[in-house]
Amino acid sequence: MSVSKFVSAILPILDSNVVGAAASSLLGAGLGLWTYRRQAKERLAAAVSWSWTMTHAGPDEMPFLVVQNMGNIPSYITSARYLRGNVIRRLQMRPMVIVTEDPEDNNYPKAVPAASAGHFMVSQSHVEQMAESARWHSRALHRLGRPYVWIELRTIAGRRLVVSAREAICPRDRPDWW
């Protein structure tokens, strides 16, 4: 079959409304599937921020790990751990990243409702201890903008989120190099 015969046979089909209807249906179905799959994914963002809270000693400003869930399904944090290092992050065997006043509230998984944020208190003293043991090259890289202490979160869906713990030390308690 020559090219001219092929084009003359295809041209009436392309001029009809069949191709436009089929293309728009396929495009609509593809976009619908893509939107559905995006909604089912776990979309999280996290940062360390400071807020006032009531402790056993009275009101005090404490660091909090704020986890924002931008998805349509609730997320569950199964673990939170410290990592240390500027380039190669190593796991630290510290007690807990997330601390609570109530011992019954120390259980995992921690729930973050859909389309909202969860606030979890962070232990400032553990971050200070890791900062004191930093070597000279880690301190230099930290000053250049590469954080030294990190917080790693894992969710029940298998998502891993690593956040800098740079803001977890109060400005008045920070080392000179922090």
Protein backbone atom coordinates (compact mmCIF):
# COMPACT_ATOMS: atom_id res chain seq x y z
CA MET A 1 0.00 0.00 0.00
CA SER A 2 1.40 3.35 -0.96
CA VAL A 3 1.46 6.39 1.28
CA SER A 4 -1.04 8.30 -0.83
CA LYS A 5 -3.60 5.46 -0.63
CA PHE A 6 -3.07 5.21 3.15
CA VAL A 7 -3.57 8.97 3.62
CA SER A 8 -6.68 8.97 1.40
CA ALA A 9 -8.14 6.09 3.43
CA ILE A 10 -7.36 7.71 6.85
CA LEU A 11 -8.37 11.29 5.97
CA PRO A 12 -12.17 10.73 6.15
CA ILE A 13 -11.81 9.11 9.59
CA LEU A 14 -9.71 11.99 10.91
CA ASP A 15 -12.23 14.53 9.59
CA SER A 16 -15.13 12.84 11.42
CA ASN A 17 -16.07 13.49 15.08
CA VAL A 18 -15.12 9.94 16.11
CA VAL A 19 -11.44 10.72 16.68
CA GLY A 20 -12.19 13.83 18.73
CA ALA A 21 -14.69 12.01 20.93
CA ALA A 22 -12.34 9.06 21.49
CA ALA A 23 -9.37 11.32 22.27
CA SER A 24 -11.32 13.43 24.75
CA SER A 25 -12.71 10.32 26.47
CA LEU A 26 -9.25 8.80 26.82
CA LEU A 27 -7.81 12.09 28.09
CA GLY A 28 -10.63 12.46 30.65
CA ALA A 29 -10.20 8.88 31.88
CA GLY A 30 -6.42 9.33 32.18
CA LEU A 31 -6.76 12.57 34.16
CA GLY A 32 -9.37 10.99 36.43
CA LEU A 33 -7.09 8.05 37.24
CA TRP A 34 -4.14 10.36 37.82
CA THR A 35 -6.19 12.52 40.24
CA TYR A 36 -7.48 9.48 42.13
CA ARG A 37 -3.97 8.07 42.57
CA ARG A 38 -2.64 11.46 43.77
CA GLN A 39 -5.37 11.68 46.43
CA ALA A 40 -4.58 8.22 47.75
CA LYS A 41 -0.89 9.06 48.30
CA GLU A 42 0.48 10.23 51.62
CA ARG A 43 1.56 13.85 51.24
CA LEU A 44 3.37 15.09 54.34
CA ALA A 45 5.49 18.09 55.26
CA ALA A 46 7.26 18.66 58.58
CA ALA A 47 9.26 21.30 60.42
CA VAL A 48 10.38 22.16 63.95
CA SER A 49 8.68 25.19 65.45
CA TRP A 50 8.30 26.77 68.88
CA SER A 51 5.09 27.22 70.83
CA TRP A 52 3.93 27.96 74.36
CA THR A 53 2.73 25.01 76.40
CA MET A 54 1.81 24.24 79.97
CA THR A 55 4.40 22.05 81.71
CA HIS A 56 4.56 20.81 85.30
CA ALA A 57 6.68 23.89 86.12
CA GLY A 58 4.23 26.33 84.52
CA PRO A 59 3.94 27.89 81.06
CA ASP A 60 7.06 27.51 78.94
CA GLU A 61 8.07 27.79 75.30
CA MET A 62 9.01 24.39 73.86
CA PRO A 63 10.07 23.03 70.45
CA PHE A 64 7.41 21.09 68.56
CA LEU A 65 7.62 18.86 65.53
CA VAL A 66 4.79 19.99 63.28
CA VAL A 67 3.68 17.41 60.71
CA GLN A 68 1.22 18.64 58.11
CA ASN A 69 -0.89 16.09 56.24
CA MET A 70 -1.96 17.49 52.88
CA GLY A 71 -3.69 14.29 51.77
CA ASN A 72 -7.26 13.08 52.00
CA ILE A 73 -6.46 10.10 54.22
CA PRO A 74 -5.08 10.15 57.78
CA SER A 75 -1.39 9.37 58.27
CA TYR A 76 0.15 7.45 61.14
CA ILE A 77 3.72 8.04 62.33
CA THR A 78 5.25 4.73 63.40
CA SER A 79 8.67 6.00 64.49
CA ALA A 80 10.63 9.19 65.05
CA ARG A 81 14.42 8.98 65.51
CA TYR A 82 17.44 11.21 65.57
CA LEU A 83 20.07 11.18 62.85
CA ARG A 84 23.43 12.89 63.17
CA GLY A 85 25.82 13.99 60.45
CA ASN A 86 26.17 16.67 57.80
CA VAL A 87 26.64 14.49 54.74
CA ILE A 88 26.22 10.89 55.89
CA ARG A 89 23.41 10.69 58.42
CA ARG A 90 23.87 8.06 61.11
CA LEU A 91 21.13 6.76 63.39
CA GLN A 92 21.46 7.81 67.02
CA MET A 93 20.34 5.59 69.85
CA ARG A 94 18.65 8.30 71.90
CA PRO A 95 15.49 7.77 73.91
CA MET A 96 12.59 9.38 72.10
CA VAL A 97 12.31 12.33 69.77
CA ILE A 98 8.69 12.95 70.68
CA VAL A 99 8.15 13.47 74.40
CA THR A 100 4.88 13.81 76.26
CA GLU A 101 3.82 14.82 79.73
CA ASP A 102 1.39 11.89 79.95
CA PRO A 103 3.07 8.44 80.02
CA GLU A 104 0.00 6.85 78.42
CA ASP A 105 0.40 9.12 75.39
CA ASN A 106 3.84 7.72 74.47
CA ASN A 107 2.44 5.02 72.21
CA TYR A 108 2.98 4.71 68.49
CA PRO A 109 1.48 5.12 65.93
CA LYS A 110 0.78 8.82 66.31
CA ALA A 111 -2.14 9.94 64.16
CA VAL A 112 -2.11 12.99 61.89
CA PRO A 113 -5.69 13.56 60.65
CA ALA A 114 -6.41 14.19 56.97
CA ALA A 115 -5.95 17.77 55.76
CA SER A 116 -4.62 19.00 59.12
CA ALA A 117 -1.46 19.16 61.21
CA GLY A 118 -0.15 17.25 64.21
CA HIS A 119 2.00 18.90 66.90
CA PHE A 120 4.46 16.75 68.86
CA MET A 121 6.81 18.05 71.58
CA VAL A 122 10.54 17.50 70.89
CA SER A 123 13.19 16.95 73.54
CA GLN A 124 15.52 19.95 73.44
CA SER A 125 18.09 18.37 75.79
CA HIS A 126 18.85 15.45 73.46
CA VAL A 127 19.57 17.80 70.56
CA GLU A 128 21.87 19.86 72.83
CA GLN A 129 23.78 16.71 73.83
CA MET A 130 24.33 15.75 70.19
CA ALA A 131 25.42 19.31 69.36
CA GLU A 132 28.05 19.24 72.14
CA SER A 133 29.65 16.10 70.74
CA ALA A 134 30.07 17.48 67.20
CA ARG A 135 33.56 17.54 65.74
CA TRP A 136 35.24 20.57 64.16
CA HIS A 137 34.41 19.66 60.54
CA SER A 138 30.73 19.08 61.41
CA ARG A 139 30.63 22.45 63.12
CA ALA A 140 32.15 24.14 60.07
CA LEU A 141 29.65 22.52 57.70
CA HIS A 142 26.80 23.46 60.05
CA ARG A 143 27.88 27.10 59.95
CA LEU A 144 27.86 26.92 56.15
CA GLY A 145 24.21 25.87 56.21
CA ARG A 146 24.33 22.07 56.32
CA PRO A 147 22.42 20.93 59.44
CA TYR A 148 24.10 18.47 61.80
CA VAL A 149 21.12 16.98 63.68
CA TRP A 150 18.12 15.54 61.84
CA ILE A 151 14.77 13.98 62.77
CA GLU A 152 13.59 11.02 60.71
CA LEU A 153 9.89 10.13 60.62
CA ARG A 154 8.45 6.91 59.23
CA THR A 155 4.79 6.34 58.52
CA ILE A 156 2.68 3.23 58.43
CA ALA A 157 2.53 3.49 54.61
CA GLY A 158 6.33 3.27 54.43
CA ARG A 159 7.02 6.93 53.74
CA ARG A 160 10.27 8.33 55.16
CA LEU A 161 10.54 12.03 55.95
CA VAL A 162 13.78 13.64 57.19
CA VAL A 163 13.64 17.10 58.78
CA SER A 164 16.41 19.33 60.11
CA ALA A 165 16.43 19.72 63.90
CA ARG A 166 18.33 23.00 63.61
CA GLU A 167 15.55 24.97 65.31
CA ALA A 168 15.10 22.50 68.19
CA ILE A 169 17.54 24.37 70.44
CA CYS A 170 16.45 27.64 72.03
CA PRO A 171 18.48 30.61 70.70
CA ARG A 172 19.76 31.46 74.20
CA ASP A 173 21.04 27.87 74.72
CA ARG A 174 22.64 27.34 71.30
CA PRO A 175 26.38 26.80 71.02
CA ASP A 176 28.37 29.56 69.31
CA TRP A 177 28.77 27.54 66.13
CA TRP A 178 25.08 26.57 65.88
